[in-house]
Amino acid sequence: MDEGIINMQKIIVEISQDRLEKKISPLIIEKIKTKYHSYIGLEMIIDTVKSIEIENLERYLDDL
């Protein structure tokens, strides 16, 4: 994995935690880091965690 992908994965975690106002589970973080390695997929996730309604964000992350 290159640095860009690693940074995008970190952004997903940071945005999600900021919006939820709590830490997300290590299991979800691990899924993001091991399952998603393409720029397009990560960009889609970033867009979603930025825009999805807060009450649906946790469920979205669980379903990754």
PDB file of N, CA and C in Angstrom:
ATOM      1  N   MET A   1       0.839  -1.184   0.000  1.00  0.00           N
ATOM      2  CA  MET A   1       0.000   0.000   0.000  1.00  0.00           C
ATOM      3  C   MET A   1       0.878   1.238   0.000  1.00  0.00           C
ATOM      4  N   ASP A   2       0.426   2.227  -0.727  1.00  0.00           N
ATOM      5  CA  ASP A   2       1.202   3.467  -0.752  1.00  0.00           C
ATOM      6  C   ASP A   2       0.684   4.449   0.299  1.00  0.00           C
ATOM      7  N   GLU A   3       1.405   5.523   0.471  1.00  0.00           N
ATOM      8  CA  GLU A   3       1.092   6.510   1.499  1.00  0.00           C
ATOM      9  C   GLU A   3      -0.272   7.168   1.271  1.00  0.00           C
ATOM     10  N   GLY A   4      -0.644   7.375   0.017  1.00  0.00           N
ATOM     11  CA  GLY A   4      -1.942   7.978  -0.287  1.00  0.00           C
ATOM     12  C   GLY A   4      -3.095   7.144   0.226  1.00  0.00           C
ATOM     13  N   ILE A   5      -3.027   5.845   0.021  1.00  0.00           N
ATOM     14  CA  ILE A   5      -4.088   4.946   0.476  1.00  0.00           C
ATOM     15  C   ILE A   5      -4.145   4.928   2.003  1.00  0.00           C
ATOM     16  N   ILE A   6      -2.986   4.861   2.642  1.00  0.00           N
ATOM     17  CA  ILE A   6      -2.937   4.865   4.105  1.00  0.00           C
ATOM     18  C   ILE A   6      -3.552   6.154   4.650  1.00  0.00           C
ATOM     19  N   ASN A   7      -3.228   7.282   4.035  1.00  0.00           N
ATOM     20  CA  ASN A   7      -3.800   8.569   4.472  1.00  0.00           C
ATOM     21  C   ASN A   7      -5.307   8.602   4.282  1.00  0.00           C
ATOM     22  N   MET A   8      -5.799   8.070   3.174  1.00  0.00           N
ATOM     23  CA  MET A   8      -7.244   8.047   2.930  1.00  0.00           C
ATOM     24  C   MET A   8      -7.950   7.186   3.979  1.00  0.00           C
ATOM     25  N   GLN A   9      -7.352   6.060   4.337  1.00  0.00           N
ATOM     26  CA  GLN A   9      -7.934   5.202   5.367  1.00  0.00           C
ATOM     27  C   GLN A   9      -8.004   5.950   6.698  1.00  0.00           C
ATOM     28  N   LYS A  10      -6.956   6.684   7.025  1.00  0.00           N
ATOM     29  CA  LYS A  10      -6.940   7.471   8.263  1.00  0.00           C
ATOM     30  C   LYS A  10      -8.010   8.564   8.233  1.00  0.00           C
ATOM     31  N   ILE A  11      -8.193   9.178   7.082  1.00  0.00           N
ATOM     32  CA  ILE A  11      -9.213  10.222   6.936  1.00  0.00           C
ATOM     33  C   ILE A  11     -10.600   9.654   7.203  1.00  0.00           C
ATOM     34  N   ILE A  12     -10.873   8.468   6.693  1.00  0.00           N
ATOM     35  CA  ILE A  12     -12.172   7.826   6.923  1.00  0.00           C
ATOM     36  C   ILE A  12     -12.404   7.647   8.416  1.00  0.00           C
ATOM     37  N   VAL A  13     -11.397   7.156   9.120  1.00  0.00           N
ATOM     38  CA  VAL A  13     -11.523   6.937  10.564  1.00  0.00           C
ATOM     39  C   VAL A  13     -11.727   8.268  11.279  1.00  0.00           C
ATOM     40  N   GLU A  14     -10.934   9.267  10.951  1.00  0.00           N
ATOM     41  CA  GLU A  14     -11.025  10.570  11.613  1.00  0.00           C
ATOM     42  C   GLU A  14     -12.380  11.236  11.399  1.00  0.00           C
ATOM     43  N   ILE A  15     -12.842  11.254  10.158  1.00  0.00           N
ATOM     44  CA  ILE A  15     -14.143  11.874   9.857  1.00  0.00           C
ATOM     45  C   ILE A  15     -15.260  11.137  10.593  1.00  0.00           C
ATOM     46  N   SER A  16     -15.207   9.815  10.553  1.00  0.00           N
ATOM     47  CA  SER A  16     -16.250   9.018  11.210  1.00  0.00           C
ATOM     48  C   SER A  16     -16.278   9.291  12.704  1.00  0.00           C
ATOM     49  N   GLN A  17     -15.119   9.309  13.325  1.00  0.00           N
ATOM     50  CA  GLN A  17     -15.059   9.541  14.767  1.00  0.00           C
ATOM     51  C   GLN A  17     -15.501  10.963  15.121  1.00  0.00           C
ATOM     52  N   ASP A  18     -15.124  11.922  14.311  1.00  0.00           N
ATOM     53  CA  ASP A  18     -15.542  13.301  14.544  1.00  0.00           C
ATOM     54  C   ASP A  18     -17.058  13.435  14.439  1.00  0.00           C
ATOM     55  N   ARG A  19     -17.626  12.839  13.412  1.00  0.00           N
ATOM     56  CA  ARG A  19     -19.071  12.968  13.215  1.00  0.00           C
ATOM     57  C   ARG A  19     -19.849  12.215  14.287  1.00  0.00           C
ATOM     58  N   LEU A  20     -19.350  11.056  14.696  1.00  0.00           N
ATOM     59  CA  LEU A  20     -20.040  10.266  15.715  1.00  0.00           C
ATOM     60  C   LEU A  20     -19.747  10.763  17.130  1.00  0.00           C
ATOM     61  N   GLU A  21     -18.719  11.588  17.249  1.00  0.00           N
ATOM     62  CA  GLU A  21     -18.270  12.105  18.536  1.00  0.00           C
ATOM     63  C   GLU A  21     -17.882  10.994  19.499  1.00  0.00           C
ATOM     64  N   LYS A  22     -17.289   9.937  18.936  1.00  0.00           N
ATOM     65  CA  LYS A  22     -16.743   8.836  19.729  1.00  0.00           C
ATOM     66  C   LYS A  22     -15.808   8.025  18.844  1.00  0.00           C
ATOM     67  N   LYS A  23     -15.001   7.208  19.474  1.00  0.00           N
ATOM     68  CA  LYS A  23     -14.093   6.351  18.721  1.00  0.00           C
ATOM     69  C   LYS A  23     -14.885   5.213  18.090  1.00  0.00           C
ATOM     70  N   ILE A  24     -14.485   4.840  16.878  1.00  0.00           N
ATOM     71  CA  ILE A  24     -15.117   3.680  16.259  1.00  0.00           C
ATOM     72  C   ILE A  24     -14.344   2.442  16.690  1.00  0.00           C
ATOM     73  N   SER A  25     -14.964   1.303  16.556  1.00  0.00           N
ATOM     74  CA  SER A  25     -14.378   0.072  17.076  1.00  0.00           C
ATOM     75  C   SER A  25     -13.120  -0.329  16.295  1.00  0.00           C
ATOM     76  N   PRO A  26     -12.202  -0.981  16.984  1.00  0.00           N
ATOM     77  CA  PRO A  26     -10.999  -1.481  16.304  1.00  0.00           C
ATOM     78  C   PRO A  26     -11.335  -2.435  15.155  1.00  0.00           C
ATOM     79  N   LEU A  27     -12.436  -3.163  15.274  1.00  0.00           N
ATOM     80  CA  LEU A  27     -12.854  -4.079  14.205  1.00  0.00           C
ATOM     81  C   LEU A  27     -13.179  -3.314  12.925  1.00  0.00           C
ATOM     82  N   ILE A  28     -13.890  -2.209  13.050  1.00  0.00           N
ATOM     83  CA  ILE A  28     -14.218  -1.398  11.878  1.00  0.00           C
ATOM     84  C   ILE A  28     -12.954  -0.790  11.286  1.00  0.00           C
ATOM     85  N   ILE A  29     -12.082  -0.298  12.139  1.00  0.00           N
ATOM     86  CA  ILE A  29     -10.819   0.274  11.659  1.00  0.00           C
ATOM     87  C   ILE A  29     -10.022  -0.778  10.910  1.00  0.00           C
ATOM     88  N   GLU A  30      -9.976  -1.974  11.439  1.00  0.00           N
ATOM     89  CA  GLU A  30      -9.237  -3.052  10.780  1.00  0.00           C
ATOM     90  C   GLU A  30      -9.856  -3.403   9.432  1.00  0.00           C
ATOM     91  N   LYS A  31     -11.191  -3.410   9.351  1.00  0.00           N
ATOM     92  CA  LYS A  31     -11.856  -3.674   8.072  1.00  0.00           C
ATOM     93  C   LYS A  31     -11.474  -2.623   7.035  1.00  0.00           C
ATOM     94  N   ILE A  32     -11.470  -1.358   7.462  1.00  0.00           N
ATOM     95  CA  ILE A  32     -11.118  -0.279   6.537  1.00  0.00           C
ATOM     96  C   ILE A  32      -9.689  -0.455   6.050  1.00  0.00           C
ATOM     97  N   LYS A  33      -8.791  -0.848   6.936  1.00  0.00           N
ATOM     98  CA  LYS A  33      -7.369  -0.954   6.585  1.00  0.00           C
ATOM     99  C   LYS A  33      -7.049  -2.193   5.759  1.00  0.00           C
ATOM    100  N   THR A  34      -7.801  -3.266   5.938  1.00  0.00           N
ATOM    101  CA  THR A  34      -7.451  -4.500   5.232  1.00  0.00           C
ATOM    102  C   THR A  34      -8.296  -4.762   3.999  1.00  0.00           C
ATOM    103  N   LYS A  35      -9.499  -4.215   3.976  1.00  0.00           N
ATOM    104  CA  LYS A  35     -10.432  -4.543   2.896  1.00  0.00           C
ATOM    105  C   LYS A  35     -10.408  -3.533   1.754  1.00  0.00           C
ATOM    106  N   TYR A  36     -10.093  -2.280   2.058  1.00  0.00           N
ATOM    107  CA  TYR A  36     -10.220  -1.232   1.052  1.00  0.00           C
ATOM    108  C   TYR A  36      -8.847  -0.678   0.683  1.00  0.00           C
ATOM    109  N   HIS A  37      -8.414  -0.972  -0.539  1.00  0.00           N
ATOM    110  CA  HIS A  37      -7.076  -0.591  -0.978  1.00  0.00           C
ATOM    111  C   HIS A  37      -7.081   0.182  -2.291  1.00  0.00           C
ATOM    112  N   SER A  38      -8.238   0.493  -2.828  1.00  0.00           N
ATOM    113  CA  SER A  38      -8.267   1.238  -4.086  1.00  0.00           C
ATOM    114  C   SER A  38      -8.664   2.682  -3.817  1.00  0.00           C
ATOM    115  N   TYR A  39      -8.092   3.589  -4.596  1.00  0.00           N
ATOM    116  CA  TYR A  39      -8.410   5.004  -4.441  1.00  0.00           C
ATOM    117  C   TYR A  39      -9.895   5.274  -4.651  1.00  0.00           C
ATOM    118  N   ILE A  40     -10.472   4.657  -5.669  1.00  0.00           N
ATOM    119  CA  ILE A  40     -11.880   4.906  -5.983  1.00  0.00           C
ATOM    120  C   ILE A  40     -12.776   4.434  -4.841  1.00  0.00           C
ATOM    121  N   GLY A  41     -12.531   3.241  -4.335  1.00  0.00           N
ATOM    122  CA  GLY A  41     -13.332   2.728  -3.230  1.00  0.00           C
ATOM    123  C   GLY A  41     -13.210   3.597  -1.991  1.00  0.00           C
ATOM    124  N   LEU A  42     -11.989   4.020  -1.680  1.00  0.00           N
ATOM    125  CA  LEU A  42     -11.772   4.864  -0.509  1.00  0.00           C
ATOM    126  C   LEU A  42     -12.398   6.243  -0.684  1.00  0.00           C
ATOM    127  N   GLU A  43     -12.331   6.794  -1.895  1.00  0.00           N
ATOM    128  CA  GLU A  43     -12.969   8.088  -2.161  1.00  0.00           C
ATOM    129  C   GLU A  43     -14.477   7.998  -1.958  1.00  0.00           C
ATOM    130  N   MET A  44     -15.063   6.902  -2.387  1.00  0.00           N
ATOM    131  CA  MET A  44     -16.503   6.715  -2.211  1.00  0.00           C
ATOM    132  C   MET A  44     -16.858   6.630  -0.723  1.00  0.00           C
ATOM    133  N   ILE A  45     -16.039   5.933   0.043  1.00  0.00           N
ATOM    134  CA  ILE A  45     -16.291   5.812   1.477  1.00  0.00           C
ATOM    135  C   ILE A  45     -16.153   7.183   2.146  1.00  0.00           C
ATOM    136  N   ILE A  46     -15.115   7.936   1.780  1.00  0.00           N
ATOM    137  CA  ILE A  46     -14.923   9.280   2.345  1.00  0.00           C
ATOM    138  C   ILE A  46     -16.135  10.154   2.048  1.00  0.00           C
ATOM    139  N   ASP A  47     -16.585  10.145   0.815  1.00  0.00           N
ATOM    140  CA  ASP A  47     -17.765  10.946   0.450  1.00  0.00           C
ATOM    141  C   ASP A  47     -18.986  10.533   1.275  1.00  0.00           C
ATOM    142  N   THR A  48     -19.136   9.241   1.476  1.00  0.00           N
ATOM    143  CA  THR A  48     -20.294   8.752   2.220  1.00  0.00           C
ATOM    144  C   THR A  48     -20.210   9.140   3.687  1.00  0.00           C
ATOM    145  N   VAL A  49     -19.060   8.933   4.333  1.00  0.00           N
ATOM    146  CA  VAL A  49     -18.978   9.256   5.764  1.00  0.00           C
ATOM    147  C   VAL A  49     -19.102  10.766   6.008  1.00  0.00           C
ATOM    148  N   LYS A  50     -18.785  11.566   5.008  1.00  0.00           N
ATOM    149  CA  LYS A  50     -18.967  13.015   5.138  1.00  0.00           C
ATOM    150  C   LYS A  50     -20.434  13.421   5.025  1.00  0.00           C
ATOM    151  N   SER A  51     -21.202  12.689   4.226  1.00  0.00           N
ATOM    152  CA  SER A  51     -22.545  13.157   3.883  1.00  0.00           C
ATOM    153  C   SER A  51     -23.693  12.343   4.462  1.00  0.00           C
ATOM    154  N   ILE A  52     -23.455  11.129   4.862  1.00  0.00           N
ATOM    155  CA  ILE A  52     -24.540  10.282   5.355  1.00  0.00           C
ATOM    156  C   ILE A  52     -25.099  10.857   6.655  1.00  0.00           C
ATOM    157  N   GLU A  53     -26.376  10.647   6.885  1.00  0.00           N
ATOM    158  CA  GLU A  53     -26.991  11.108   8.124  1.00  0.00           C
ATOM    159  C   GLU A  53     -26.322  10.407   9.302  1.00  0.00           C
ATOM    160  N   ILE A  54     -26.099  11.164  10.362  1.00  0.00           N
ATOM    161  CA  ILE A  54     -25.383  10.641  11.523  1.00  0.00           C
ATOM    162  C   ILE A  54     -26.001   9.340  12.032  1.00  0.00           C
ATOM    163  N   GLU A  55     -27.311   9.288  12.088  1.00  0.00           N
ATOM    164  CA  GLU A  55     -27.959   8.094  12.640  1.00  0.00           C
ATOM    165  C   GLU A  55     -27.734   6.851  11.769  1.00  0.00           C
ATOM    166  N   ASN A  56     -27.297   7.026  10.540  1.00  0.00           N
ATOM    167  CA  ASN A  56     -27.024   5.894   9.655  1.00  0.00           C
ATOM    168  C   ASN A  56     -25.534   5.594   9.515  1.00  0.00           C
ATOM    169  N   LEU A  57     -24.688   6.462  10.031  1.00  0.00           N
ATOM    170  CA  LEU A  57     -23.249   6.316   9.831  1.00  0.00           C
ATOM    171  C   LEU A  57     -22.696   5.057  10.478  1.00  0.00           C
ATOM    172  N   GLU A  58     -23.072   4.791  11.710  1.00  0.00           N
ATOM    173  CA  GLU A  58     -22.541   3.611  12.392  1.00  0.00           C
ATOM    174  C   GLU A  58     -22.942   2.325  11.678  1.00  0.00           C
ATOM    175  N   ARG A  59     -24.175   2.278  11.238  1.00  0.00           N
ATOM    176  CA  ARG A  59     -24.647   1.082  10.512  1.00  0.00           C
ATOM    177  C   ARG A  59     -23.880   0.934   9.201  1.00  0.00           C
ATOM    178  N   TYR A  60     -23.650   2.045   8.506  1.00  0.00           N
ATOM    179  CA  TYR A  60     -22.874   2.010   7.265  1.00  0.00           C
ATOM    180  C   TYR A  60     -21.479   1.443   7.527  1.00  0.00           C
ATOM    181  N   LEU A  61     -20.822   1.930   8.571  1.00  0.00           N
ATOM    182  CA  LEU A  61     -19.480   1.442   8.896  1.00  0.00           C
ATOM    183  C   LEU A  61     -19.497  -0.037   9.260  1.00  0.00           C
ATOM    184  N   ASP A  62     -20.511  -0.463  10.012  1.00  0.00           N
ATOM    185  CA  ASP A  62     -20.624  -1.880  10.363  1.00  0.00           C
ATOM    186  C   ASP A  62     -20.769  -2.760   9.137  1.00  0.00           C
ATOM    187  N   ASP A  63     -21.428  -2.236   8.103  1.00  0.00           N
ATOM    188  CA  ASP A  63     -21.699  -3.018   6.895  1.00  0.00           C
ATOM    189  C   ASP A  63     -20.550  -3.029   5.893  1.00  0.00           C
ATOM    190  N   LEU A  64     -19.480  -2.277   6.177  1.00  0.00           N
ATOM    191  CA  LEU A  64     -18.358  -2.259   5.238  1.00  0.00           C
ATOM    192  C   LEU A  64     -17.799  -3.649   5.029  1.00  0.00           C
TER     193      LEU A  64
END
